[in-house]
Amino acid sequence: ESSIYLGVDYAYTFDNGYSAVVFVEQVRGDFDLAAYGFAAAKFFDNGWKVATGPGVETKLKNNKTLFLWQISLGYDWHFDDWTVGPIASFDFIEDGSNTSYFGVSVGYGF
């Protein structure tokens, strides 16, 4: 089975490194779904980042919406206002169809 994943998030970071995050994800292919949610995150000075929070996942093939809890762990290399690095996200879904995503994160800070 294969799919393509695209996720977008917006993080508002406070002076202490903690962030409030909104995320939107789309998966197309064998796993047609969309996920939306909110998370609390911590961006560490050494490049590591961790986030966790609730959301919903809509399985597009059968229009079923389920509660999820997402945990993400990543690392960012910084290049001026840009970041790039690996990320792993784990969605714990209400019906037990838990999902894992591994990929590359690209970010821009202003």
C-alpha atoms as a PDB file:
ATOM      1  CA  GLU A   1       0.000   0.000   0.000  1.00  0.00           C
ATOM      2  CA  SER A   2       1.241   3.487  -0.757  1.00  0.00           C
ATOM      3  CA  SER A   3       0.119   7.056  -0.297  1.00  0.00           C
ATOM      4  CA  ILE A   4       1.419  10.586  -0.542  1.00  0.00           C
ATOM      5  CA  TYR A   5       1.312  12.844   2.500  1.00  0.00           C
ATOM      6  CA  LEU A   6       1.295  16.626   2.794  1.00  0.00           C
ATOM      7  CA  GLY A   7       1.087  18.402   6.107  1.00  0.00           C
ATOM      8  CA  VAL A   8       1.061  22.082   6.951  1.00  0.00           C
ATOM      9  CA  ASP A   9       1.275  23.589  10.384  1.00  0.00           C
ATOM     10  CA  TYR A  10       1.484  27.010  11.929  1.00  0.00           C
ATOM     11  CA  ALA A  11       3.329  27.439  15.208  1.00  0.00           C
ATOM     12  CA  TYR A  12       3.220  30.559  17.338  1.00  0.00           C
ATOM     13  CA  THR A  13       6.305  30.373  19.530  1.00  0.00           C
ATOM     14  CA  PHE A  14       6.506  32.160  22.858  1.00  0.00           C
ATOM     15  CA  ASP A  15       9.751  33.558  24.326  1.00  0.00           C
ATOM     16  CA  ASN A  16      10.291  30.415  26.425  1.00  0.00           C
ATOM     17  CA  GLY A  17      10.395  28.103  23.361  1.00  0.00           C
ATOM     18  CA  TYR A  18       6.907  26.659  23.863  1.00  0.00           C
ATOM     19  CA  SER A  19       4.485  26.931  20.951  1.00  0.00           C
ATOM     20  CA  ALA A  20       0.797  26.714  20.140  1.00  0.00           C
ATOM     21  CA  VAL A  21       0.380  24.784  16.878  1.00  0.00           C
ATOM     22  CA  VAL A  22      -2.437  24.246  14.366  1.00  0.00           C
ATOM     23  CA  PHE A  23      -1.948  21.363  11.922  1.00  0.00           C
ATOM     24  CA  VAL A  24      -3.666  20.223   8.717  1.00  0.00           C
ATOM     25  CA  GLU A  25      -2.741  16.978   6.953  1.00  0.00           C
ATOM     26  CA  GLN A  26      -3.883  15.363   3.716  1.00  0.00           C
ATOM     27  CA  VAL A  27      -3.086  11.785   2.678  1.00  0.00           C
ATOM     28  CA  ARG A  28      -3.991  10.528  -0.793  1.00  0.00           C
ATOM     29  CA  GLY A  29      -3.646   7.067  -2.317  1.00  0.00           C
ATOM     30  CA  ASP A  30      -4.485   3.871  -0.464  1.00  0.00           C
ATOM     31  CA  PHE A  31      -5.185   5.889   2.701  1.00  0.00           C
ATOM     32  CA  ASP A  32      -7.457   8.768   1.664  1.00  0.00           C
ATOM     33  CA  LEU A  33      -7.796  10.871   4.789  1.00  0.00           C
ATOM     34  CA  ALA A  34      -7.564  14.359   6.192  1.00  0.00           C
ATOM     35  CA  ALA A  35      -6.557  15.315   9.726  1.00  0.00           C
ATOM     36  CA  TYR A  36      -6.857  18.602  11.595  1.00  0.00           C
ATOM     37  CA  GLY A  37      -5.900  19.574  15.111  1.00  0.00           C
ATOM     38  CA  PHE A  38      -4.118  21.624  17.714  1.00  0.00           C
ATOM     39  CA  ALA A  39      -0.935  20.875  19.614  1.00  0.00           C
ATOM     40  CA  ALA A  40       1.428  22.211  22.223  1.00  0.00           C
ATOM     41  CA  ALA A  41       5.071  22.078  21.175  1.00  0.00           C
ATOM     42  CA  LYS A  42       8.527  22.721  22.543  1.00  0.00           C
ATOM     43  CA  PHE A  43      11.385  23.843  20.297  1.00  0.00           C
ATOM     44  CA  PHE A  44      14.729  23.250  21.974  1.00  0.00           C
ATOM     45  CA  ASP A  45      17.844  25.338  21.354  1.00  0.00           C
ATOM     46  CA  ASN A  46      19.762  22.241  20.172  1.00  0.00           C
ATOM     47  CA  GLY A  47      17.379  21.710  17.200  1.00  0.00           C
ATOM     48  CA  TRP A  48      15.025  19.080  18.641  1.00  0.00           C
ATOM     49  CA  LYS A  49      11.279  19.651  18.672  1.00  0.00           C
ATOM     50  CA  VAL A  50       8.385  17.724  20.200  1.00  0.00           C
ATOM     51  CA  ALA A  51       4.635  18.337  19.883  1.00  0.00           C
ATOM     52  CA  THR A  52       1.460  16.681  21.110  1.00  0.00           C
ATOM     53  CA  GLY A  53      -2.243  17.413  20.927  1.00  0.00           C
ATOM     54  CA  PRO A  54      -5.772  16.406  19.902  1.00  0.00           C
ATOM     55  CA  GLY A  55      -7.402  16.444  16.511  1.00  0.00           C
ATOM     56  CA  VAL A  56      -9.816  14.684  14.193  1.00  0.00           C
ATOM     57  CA  GLU A  57      -9.224  12.426  11.231  1.00  0.00           C
ATOM     58  CA  THR A  58     -11.733  12.083   8.420  1.00  0.00           C
ATOM     59  CA  LYS A  59     -11.506   8.907   6.384  1.00  0.00           C
ATOM     60  CA  LEU A  60     -12.566  10.272   3.002  1.00  0.00           C
ATOM     61  CA  LYS A  61     -13.615   6.959   1.392  1.00  0.00           C
ATOM     62  CA  ASN A  62     -16.393   6.390   3.927  1.00  0.00           C
ATOM     63  CA  ASN A  63     -16.749   9.931   5.342  1.00  0.00           C
ATOM     64  CA  LYS A  64     -16.013   8.694   8.875  1.00  0.00           C
ATOM     65  CA  THR A  65     -14.601  11.207  11.382  1.00  0.00           C
ATOM     66  CA  LEU A  66     -12.625   9.981  14.403  1.00  0.00           C
ATOM     67  CA  PHE A  67     -10.808  11.552  17.366  1.00  0.00           C
ATOM     68  CA  LEU A  68      -7.006  11.342  17.296  1.00  0.00           C
ATOM     69  CA  TRP A  69      -4.094  12.228  19.524  1.00  0.00           C
ATOM     70  CA  GLN A  70      -0.881  13.152  17.713  1.00  0.00           C
ATOM     71  CA  ILE A  71       2.704  13.014  18.984  1.00  0.00           C
ATOM     72  CA  SER A  72       5.527  14.376  16.788  1.00  0.00           C
ATOM     73  CA  LEU A  73       9.281  14.366  17.210  1.00  0.00           C
ATOM     74  CA  GLY A  74      11.672  16.120  14.870  1.00  0.00           C
ATOM     75  CA  TYR A  75      14.981  17.834  14.412  1.00  0.00           C
ATOM     76  CA  ASP A  76      15.628  21.138  12.613  1.00  0.00           C
ATOM     77  CA  TRP A  77      18.775  22.491  11.020  1.00  0.00           C
ATOM     78  CA  HIS A  78      18.536  26.265  10.784  1.00  0.00           C
ATOM     79  CA  PHE A  79      19.581  28.319   7.739  1.00  0.00           C
ATOM     80  CA  ASP A  80      18.781  31.976   8.420  1.00  0.00           C
ATOM     81  CA  ASP A  81      14.937  32.045   8.574  1.00  0.00           C
ATOM     82  CA  TRP A  82      14.567  28.514   7.120  1.00  0.00           C
ATOM     83  CA  THR A  83      14.642  25.096   8.763  1.00  0.00           C
ATOM     84  CA  VAL A  84      14.830  21.573   7.371  1.00  0.00           C
ATOM     85  CA  GLY A  85      15.012  18.207   9.083  1.00  0.00           C
ATOM     86  CA  PRO A  86      13.508  14.793   9.725  1.00  0.00           C
ATOM     87  CA  ILE A  87      10.157  14.396  11.464  1.00  0.00           C
ATOM     88  CA  ALA A  88       8.156  11.461  12.792  1.00  0.00           C
ATOM     89  CA  SER A  89       4.473  11.769  13.703  1.00  0.00           C
ATOM     90  CA  PHE A  90       2.290   9.184  15.381  1.00  0.00           C
ATOM     91  CA  ASP A  91      -1.517   9.439  15.340  1.00  0.00           C
ATOM     92  CA  PHE A  92      -3.350   7.382  17.956  1.00  0.00           C
ATOM     93  CA  ILE A  93      -6.829   7.075  16.452  1.00  0.00           C
ATOM     94  CA  GLU A  94     -10.107   6.319  18.211  1.00  0.00           C
ATOM     95  CA  ASP A  95     -10.851   3.130  16.225  1.00  0.00           C
ATOM     96  CA  GLY A  96      -7.342   1.702  16.724  1.00  0.00           C
ATOM     97  CA  SER A  97      -6.189   2.351  13.123  1.00  0.00           C
ATOM     98  CA  ASN A  98      -3.107   4.190  14.401  1.00  0.00           C
ATOM     99  CA  THR A  99      -0.908   5.869  11.797  1.00  0.00           C
ATOM    100  CA  SER A 100       2.804   6.717  11.617  1.00  0.00           C
ATOM    101  CA  TYR A 101       4.377   9.282   9.294  1.00  0.00           C
ATOM    102  CA  PHE A 102       8.090   9.736   8.644  1.00  0.00           C
ATOM    103  CA  GLY A 103       9.418  12.445   6.394  1.00  0.00           C
ATOM    104  CA  VAL A 104      11.190  15.742   5.952  1.00  0.00           C
ATOM    105  CA  SER A 105       9.985  18.982   7.467  1.00  0.00           C
ATOM    106  CA  VAL A 106      10.654  22.365   5.847  1.00  0.00           C
ATOM    107  CA  GLY A 107       9.892  25.518   7.784  1.00  0.00           C
ATOM    108  CA  TYR A 108      10.097  29.267   7.555  1.00  0.00           C
ATOM    109  CA  GLY A 109      10.183  31.586  10.548  1.00  0.00           C
ATOM    110  CA  PHE A 110       9.552  35.284  10.612  1.00  0.00           C
END
